[in-house]
Amino acid sequence: MQSCWIFAPKRYVKLSTLRMIDSQEAIQAIDDLVFAKAGRRLNQNEKLVIEAAWEDKEYKEIAATFSYSIDRLQRHVGRKL
């Protein structure tokens, strides 16, 4: 079992076990952090961008797959993240 320390704002958190997580677990963790920091939840477009980034996709691939403009994704969704 590996342990490591990560820095979270104003505190250090010990991670007892390092393991791989999937995109949905990552989105849930990010959503919880955004809620704790900003008092809001991620919207569907933000979750879409995070999931695509997790899968190493570029904005142009997301735009083509989901019929969004690259400009909208970069300026209105990605920028907030």
Protein backbone atom coordinates (compact mmCIF):
# COMPACT_ATOMS: atom_id res chain seq x y z
CA MET A 1 0.00 0.00 0.00
CA GLN A 2 1.44 3.37 -1.01
CA SER A 3 0.85 6.59 0.85
CA CYS A 4 1.39 10.13 -0.27
CA TRP A 5 0.50 13.64 0.80
CA ILE A 6 -1.30 16.14 -1.39
CA PHE A 7 -1.80 19.82 -0.76
CA ALA A 8 -5.38 21.01 -0.60
CA PRO A 9 -6.07 24.70 0.09
CA LYS A 10 -4.94 25.47 3.65
CA ARG A 11 -4.28 21.85 4.57
CA TYR A 12 -2.46 18.67 3.64
CA VAL A 13 -4.39 15.49 3.07
CA LYS A 14 -2.85 12.05 3.42
CA LEU A 15 -3.88 9.57 0.77
CA SER A 16 -3.53 6.07 2.15
CA THR A 17 -4.03 4.21 -1.08
CA LEU A 18 -3.23 5.27 -4.60
CA ARG A 19 -5.43 3.70 -7.25
CA MET A 20 -6.62 4.40 -10.74
CA ILE A 21 -10.05 6.00 -11.03
CA ASP A 22 -12.33 6.25 -14.01
CA SER A 23 -13.73 9.41 -15.55
CA GLN A 24 -17.00 9.23 -13.61
CA GLU A 25 -15.18 9.03 -10.27
CA ALA A 26 -13.01 11.96 -11.33
CA ILE A 27 -16.06 14.01 -12.34
CA GLN A 28 -17.73 13.28 -8.99
CA ALA A 29 -14.60 14.32 -7.08
CA ILE A 30 -14.24 17.53 -9.12
CA ASP A 31 -17.95 18.26 -8.70
CA ASP A 32 -17.60 17.92 -4.93
CA LEU A 33 -14.57 20.24 -4.91
CA VAL A 34 -16.36 22.86 -7.03
CA PHE A 35 -19.37 22.67 -4.73
CA ALA A 36 -17.18 23.09 -1.64
CA LYS A 37 -15.30 26.03 -3.17
CA ALA A 38 -17.96 27.81 -5.26
CA GLY A 39 -21.26 26.52 -3.90
CA ARG A 40 -22.43 25.17 -7.24
CA ARG A 41 -22.43 21.88 -9.08
CA LEU A 42 -20.91 21.17 -12.47
CA ASN A 43 -23.33 21.47 -15.36
CA GLN A 44 -23.62 18.84 -18.08
CA ASN A 45 -21.35 20.72 -20.50
CA GLU A 46 -18.60 20.99 -17.88
CA LYS A 47 -18.89 17.29 -17.11
CA LEU A 48 -18.67 16.55 -20.82
CA VAL A 49 -15.44 18.57 -21.17
CA ILE A 50 -13.90 16.92 -18.09
CA GLU A 51 -14.77 13.45 -19.34
CA ALA A 52 -13.35 14.18 -22.78
CA ALA A 53 -10.17 15.63 -21.27
CA TRP A 54 -9.87 12.52 -19.10
CA GLU A 55 -9.96 10.51 -22.32
CA ASP A 56 -7.30 12.81 -23.83
CA LYS A 57 -9.64 14.33 -26.42
CA GLU A 58 -9.25 17.82 -27.84
CA TYR A 59 -11.93 20.50 -28.11
CA LYS A 60 -12.32 19.86 -31.84
CA GLU A 61 -13.13 16.19 -31.15
CA ILE A 62 -15.69 17.09 -28.49
CA ALA A 63 -17.27 19.69 -30.78
CA ALA A 64 -17.56 17.22 -33.65
CA THR A 65 -18.99 14.46 -31.48
CA PHE A 66 -21.56 16.54 -29.60
CA SER A 67 -22.39 19.29 -32.13
CA TYR A 68 -20.92 22.15 -30.10
CA SER A 69 -18.75 24.87 -31.51
CA ILE A 70 -15.11 24.87 -30.44
CA ASP A 71 -15.51 28.53 -29.47
CA ARG A 72 -18.41 27.72 -27.12
CA LEU A 73 -16.48 24.91 -25.47
CA GLN A 74 -13.31 26.97 -25.01
CA ARG A 75 -14.83 30.30 -24.02
CA HIS A 76 -17.94 29.33 -22.09
CA VAL A 77 -17.36 25.87 -20.70
CA GLY A 78 -13.62 25.27 -20.39
CA ARG A 79 -12.93 28.78 -19.17
CA LYS A 80 -15.12 28.29 -16.08
CA LEU A 81 -13.26 25.14 -15.20
